[in-house]
Amino acid sequence: MERTSHILETRDGGQTWHTIPFDGKDRQFIKFVTDQKRIIFVAGEEGSVAFSESAGEFSSIIQLANRGIVSDGAILANRTFFVVGGAGLLLRSSDLGRTWENPVLKDSGRRHRLNAVFFSNSSVGVAVGNVGRIVRTTDGGNSWISVPSNVTEDLYSVIFTDSFNGIAVGSNGVILKTVDSGKTWFRSQSPNQHTLERVAASLKYIFAVGFGGTIIRKHR
């Protein structure tokens, strides 16, 4: 079965869409990340990433040396990019992906896959992954350290609603919360055991979605 990737853009609230030029159609891209300055990057299988500086034409496909799946990414205000993925992949770039480096990871444990990364501000960021793995930075991503999650479920998504309060979700309906910028995490009651794959927030609510058409909503 042929798999292709396309990038579509709307500038009228979703009424019409057009295709952005992109030479990575032959690869499976699974993540789209953007910032307020319209810098965009897409990432996916085989360590593939591509960038756009003005929501226009994308750069040529960049192949990471790891060649593993890239699960998620984050863009900081200083144009520093982070990607996470298979086998504990955690890389940083400050030149639109031309070069990448490994931040210091103060952890001697097994490098389980990292599925999501989120920065609550320019200094503090958290990445979550399989088997309850959580790593955290307080220096803008220069160094990271493991944080106990006290769960063994795979964690698939994480967000912060401000500099202190964050939520991570994952398999078996697990919901973790932090109120101290990710230093400590505790389990929150979940209404079901379906795997939760994404968590997002609006001005009033926090939403988690997952298998079986599951949608969970709670007030912030």
Protein backbone atom coordinates (compact mmCIF):
# COMPACT_ATOMS: atom_id res chain seq x y z
CA MET A 1 0.00 0.00 0.00
CA GLU A 2 1.45 3.36 -1.05
CA ARG A 3 1.88 5.91 1.73
CA THR A 4 2.23 9.60 0.95
CA SER A 5 2.40 12.79 3.00
CA HIS A 6 0.82 16.14 2.17
CA ILE A 7 0.85 19.51 3.93
CA LEU A 8 -2.24 21.69 3.57
CA GLU A 9 -2.72 25.30 4.66
CA THR A 10 -5.78 27.44 5.32
CA ARG A 11 -5.89 31.21 5.77
CA ASP A 12 -9.65 31.65 6.11
CA GLY A 13 -10.51 29.64 9.19
CA GLY A 14 -10.68 26.31 7.38
CA GLN A 15 -13.12 27.18 4.59
CA THR A 16 -10.55 26.56 1.86
CA TRP A 17 -7.24 24.73 1.81
CA HIS A 18 -4.25 24.63 -0.52
CA THR A 19 -1.19 22.42 -0.74
CA ILE A 20 2.20 23.72 0.40
CA PRO A 21 5.08 22.63 -1.87
CA PHE A 22 6.80 19.69 -0.23
CA ASP A 23 9.23 17.09 -1.57
CA GLY A 24 8.71 14.55 1.20
CA LYS A 25 5.55 12.91 -0.11
CA ASP A 26 7.21 9.52 -0.27
CA ARG A 27 7.75 9.46 3.50
CA GLN A 28 5.36 9.10 6.40
CA PHE A 29 5.28 12.34 8.39
CA ILE A 30 3.32 12.11 11.61
CA LYS A 31 3.98 15.35 13.48
CA PHE A 32 3.42 19.01 12.61
CA VAL A 33 4.91 21.66 14.91
CA THR A 34 4.66 25.44 14.57
CA ASP A 35 5.24 28.61 16.59
CA GLN A 36 3.78 32.13 16.65
CA LYS A 37 6.33 33.33 14.07
CA ARG A 38 5.11 30.77 11.53
CA ILE A 39 8.22 28.66 11.70
CA ILE A 40 7.11 25.11 10.97
CA PHE A 41 8.69 21.72 11.00
CA VAL A 42 7.32 18.30 10.22
CA ALA A 43 8.80 15.02 11.38
CA GLY A 44 8.19 11.33 11.07
CA GLU A 45 9.60 7.96 10.13
CA GLU A 46 13.24 7.14 9.39
CA GLY A 47 14.47 10.23 11.25
CA SER A 48 13.01 12.57 8.62
CA VAL A 49 12.43 16.28 9.34
CA ALA A 50 11.73 19.32 7.15
CA PHE A 51 11.46 23.04 7.95
CA SER A 52 9.67 26.14 6.68
CA GLU A 53 10.56 29.63 7.93
CA SER A 54 7.47 31.48 6.72
CA ALA A 55 4.77 28.84 6.32
CA GLY A 56 5.82 28.62 2.69
CA GLU A 57 7.96 26.15 0.79
CA PHE A 58 9.68 23.53 2.89
CA SER A 59 13.39 22.78 2.96
CA SER A 60 14.80 19.59 1.57
CA ILE A 61 14.27 16.56 3.76
CA ILE A 62 16.84 16.30 6.53
CA GLN A 63 17.80 12.79 7.60
CA LEU A 64 18.83 12.42 11.23
CA ALA A 65 21.73 10.06 11.87
CA ASN A 66 19.54 8.06 14.24
CA ARG A 67 17.08 7.20 11.43
CA GLY A 68 14.51 6.21 14.04
CA ILE A 69 10.98 7.54 14.24
CA VAL A 70 10.62 11.18 15.35
CA SER A 71 7.54 11.34 17.56
CA ASP A 72 7.31 15.02 18.50
CA GLY A 73 9.13 18.34 18.62
CA ALA A 74 9.17 21.79 20.17
CA ILE A 75 10.30 25.24 19.05
CA LEU A 76 11.58 27.83 21.54
CA ALA A 77 11.44 31.60 21.08
CA ASN A 78 15.18 31.68 20.33
CA ARG A 79 14.60 29.36 17.34
CA THR A 80 16.04 26.34 19.09
CA PHE A 81 14.38 23.11 17.98
CA PHE A 82 14.02 19.88 19.92
CA VAL A 83 12.91 16.48 18.65
CA VAL A 84 12.18 13.28 20.55
CA GLY A 85 11.51 9.76 19.38
CA GLY A 86 12.45 6.11 19.27
CA ALA A 87 15.13 4.58 21.52
CA GLY A 88 15.13 7.67 23.73
CA LEU A 89 15.95 10.05 20.86
CA LEU A 90 16.47 13.61 22.17
CA LEU A 91 18.19 16.09 19.85
CA ARG A 92 18.57 19.86 19.61
CA SER A 93 19.23 22.18 16.66
CA SER A 94 19.77 25.94 16.51
CA ASP A 95 20.21 26.29 12.74
CA LEU A 96 16.93 25.06 11.24
CA GLY A 97 17.99 21.45 11.39
CA ARG A 98 21.26 21.68 9.47
CA THR A 99 23.18 20.37 12.48
CA TRP A 100 21.98 18.49 15.57
CA GLU A 101 23.49 17.79 18.96
CA ASN A 102 22.70 15.59 21.93
CA PRO A 103 21.89 17.58 25.08
CA VAL A 104 23.32 16.27 28.33
CA LEU A 105 21.02 13.54 29.66
CA LYS A 106 21.87 12.78 33.27
CA ASP A 107 20.39 9.31 33.24
CA SER A 108 22.04 5.91 33.10
CA GLY A 109 18.80 3.97 32.70
CA ARG A 110 17.36 2.30 29.64
CA ARG A 111 16.50 4.72 26.84
CA HIS A 112 12.80 4.06 26.31
CA ARG A 113 11.07 5.80 23.43
CA LEU A 114 10.08 9.41 24.06
CA ASN A 115 6.67 10.27 22.60
CA ALA A 116 6.10 13.95 23.39
CA VAL A 117 7.92 17.09 24.52
CA PHE A 118 6.56 20.40 25.82
CA PHE A 119 8.21 23.59 27.12
CA SER A 120 6.18 25.58 29.65
CA ASN A 121 8.56 28.54 29.24
CA SER A 122 11.98 29.25 27.76
CA SER A 123 13.74 27.33 30.53
CA VAL A 124 11.54 24.45 31.69
CA GLY A 125 10.61 21.54 29.45
CA VAL A 126 9.35 17.99 29.93
CA ALA A 127 9.47 14.95 27.65
CA VAL A 128 7.41 11.82 28.30
CA GLY A 129 7.61 8.32 26.88
CA ASN A 130 7.16 4.60 27.19
CA VAL A 131 7.12 2.72 30.50
CA GLY A 132 6.31 5.92 32.39
CA ARG A 133 9.50 7.68 31.37
CA ILE A 134 9.72 11.42 32.13
CA VAL A 135 12.76 13.65 31.62
CA ARG A 136 12.94 17.33 32.52
CA THR A 137 15.11 20.36 31.79
CA THR A 138 15.36 23.66 33.67
CA ASP A 139 18.08 25.31 31.57
CA GLY A 140 16.42 25.62 28.17
CA GLY A 141 17.25 22.10 27.11
CA ASN A 142 21.01 22.10 27.68
CA SER A 143 20.70 19.26 30.19
CA TRP A 144 17.94 16.84 31.14
CA ILE A 145 17.33 14.57 34.12
CA SER A 146 14.89 11.73 34.79
CA VAL A 147 11.90 12.43 37.01
CA PRO A 148 9.95 9.61 38.74
CA SER A 149 6.47 9.09 37.35
CA ASN A 150 5.56 6.17 39.64
CA VAL A 151 3.71 4.49 36.76
CA THR A 152 4.69 1.91 34.14
CA GLU A 153 2.15 2.88 31.49
CA ASP A 154 3.37 4.40 28.23
CA LEU A 155 2.91 8.18 28.21
CA TYR A 156 1.93 9.67 24.85
CA SER A 157 1.26 13.36 25.36
CA VAL A 158 2.06 16.19 27.78
CA ILE A 159 1.07 19.86 28.09
CA PHE A 160 1.39 22.68 30.61
CA THR A 161 -1.40 25.20 31.12
CA ASP A 162 0.98 27.62 32.86
CA SER A 163 4.50 27.52 34.28
CA PHE A 164 3.48 25.21 37.13
CA ASN A 165 0.52 23.02 36.13
CA GLY A 166 0.92 20.18 33.66
CA ILE A 167 -0.84 16.99 32.54
CA ALA A 168 0.46 13.83 30.87
CA VAL A 169 -1.72 11.04 29.47
CA GLY A 170 -1.12 7.55 28.15
CA SER A 171 -2.03 3.88 28.02
CA ASN A 172 -4.77 2.33 30.17
CA GLY A 173 -6.32 5.78 30.56
CA VAL A 174 -3.50 7.00 32.81
CA ILE A 175 -3.56 10.70 33.69
CA LEU A 176 -0.66 12.30 35.56
CA LYS A 177 -0.61 15.81 36.99
CA THR A 178 2.08 18.15 38.25
CA VAL A 179 1.68 21.42 40.13
CA ASP A 180 5.38 22.22 40.56
CA SER A 181 6.64 22.63 36.99
CA GLY A 182 7.20 18.93 36.50
CA LYS A 183 9.41 18.22 39.52
CA THR A 184 6.89 15.70 40.86
CA TRP A 185 3.93 13.91 39.30
CA PHE A 186 0.89 12.22 40.82
CA ARG A 187 -1.82 10.05 39.34
CA SER A 188 -5.21 11.65 38.75
CA GLN A 189 -8.46 9.70 38.62
CA SER A 190 -9.40 8.67 35.09
CA PRO A 191 -13.00 7.90 34.01
CA ASN A 192 -11.93 5.01 31.74
CA GLN A 193 -9.09 2.67 30.84
CA HIS A 194 -8.89 3.44 27.13
CA THR A 195 -5.49 4.58 25.93
CA LEU A 196 -5.29 8.38 25.80
CA GLU A 197 -3.12 9.62 22.93
CA ARG A 198 -3.34 13.42 23.07
CA VAL A 199 -4.03 16.14 25.61
CA ALA A 200 -4.79 19.77 24.75
CA ALA A 201 -6.18 22.86 26.46
CA SER A 202 -8.49 25.75 25.64
CA LEU A 203 -9.13 28.83 27.75
CA LYS A 204 -11.76 26.95 29.79
CA TYR A 205 -11.12 23.24 29.41
CA ILE A 206 -8.53 20.49 29.18
CA PHE A 207 -9.28 17.74 26.67
CA ALA A 208 -7.81 14.24 26.33
CA VAL A 209 -8.64 11.97 23.40
CA GLY A 210 -7.85 8.34 22.64
CA PHE A 211 -8.93 4.87 21.56
CA GLY A 212 -12.54 3.95 21.00
CA GLY A 213 -13.58 7.53 20.30
CA THR A 214 -12.74 8.50 23.88
CA ILE A 215 -12.96 12.21 24.68
CA ILE A 216 -12.44 13.48 28.22
CA ARG A 217 -13.08 17.08 29.23
CA LYS A 218 -12.47 18.87 32.51
CA HIS A 219 -12.37 22.47 33.65
CA ARG A 220 -8.94 24.00 33.95
